[in-house]
Amino acid sequence: MSYRLLKNMLPVNDEEKKILDGDVKINRKLYMAEETDIINAKLLLKKGKLISVRPHTRFIDFPPHTHDYIEVVYMCLGSSVHTVNGKQILLSEGELLFLSRRATHSIKKSGEKDIAVNFIILPEFFENSLAILEDDTSPLKKFILDSLYLDKGPDYLHFKVANELCIQNLVENLIWTINNDVKNKRMVNRATMELLFLQLLNHTDSLYYDNPEDEAVVKVLKYADENYKNGSLCDVANMLHYDVSWLSREIKRKTGVNYTDIIQAKRLSQAAFYLKNTSFKISDISLMVGYDNVSYFYRLFNAKYGQSPKRFRDCK
């Protein structure tokens, strides 16, 4: 991280001074309503704001808690140890940890040179900020967003992206923009988050998994994105050395749909893109997305979009 940003986080703040002076517990009033373990976004976000960022409090264990918002932890310097639903995670410099609202989260005491920031993000921010991805019905994108926004899928996403310069720059830009008075601040924040998500989707090989089921499903979804025309479940199972029956069950359990549904949705969304953005013949588009039988393609397209491919194109 650039020193210009880091220098503002290194000094001990008032909360940390009290801890160093002898406080042995966090001041719960700063984070939570009475008699709850839910960190309240209203206590951390200014009125009307959908996103904010604050340094993580050092020198003390942060007890188990949940959030009524989506939290993203970025490790600026050093490292920190997190426990999410009983699973321990070492977050190293340059890495990102996305936490869903249902995750029970605690953090071990960190030292003076262990600097992390927490992004506090209301779900509405993702709803409004990811317009650039609306036409991209990537099943992998849906899986990741569902886990955060709809509380499905994994409880956390750990991206080991310390060596990805573009991602590091985007995170630093987001921190800078949130903390400073800049023109078109809300639009800049949304655009930066959109670009960050696009880059993270390009680096799912940097995702760390704590169980083989999540890893398997993400790999299959990435394969479906790239091989929707001809890729079969048997092909991907053989390539990844998974049992086909087991993989089929896990896909259904994790995504709510089967592999054929995933492939079909991707093919049809790609066909819709071609219809909107090219002058290719409809019969050629059918072949390009994997349907040899044009009549069958017409039936599927009409079932999904409520109109024929020709009418869909004419209405663009």
Foldseek 3Di string as FASTA:
>chain_A
DDVVVVVVQLDADPQLVVVVVPDQAHPCVQFDDPPAQEGEVPSVDDPPDFKAKDKDRADYKFDWGFYQFKKKKAWQFAWWWKAWPNRIDIGGHGKMKIFARVITMITGHDDSGGIMMMMGGHLVLVVPQQPVCPLPVQVLLVLVNCVHNVVAFDRMKIFPCNPPVVLSVLVVVLNVLNVDDDPPSSNVNSVSVNVNSVVVLVPVVRIDDPDVLSVLLSQLSVCLLVPLQDDDLVNSCVVVVHDSVVNQVSNCVRPVDGPVVSSLVNLLSVLLVCLQPHPDDQCVSCNVSHHPDSVVVQVSNCVVPVDGSVVSSVVD
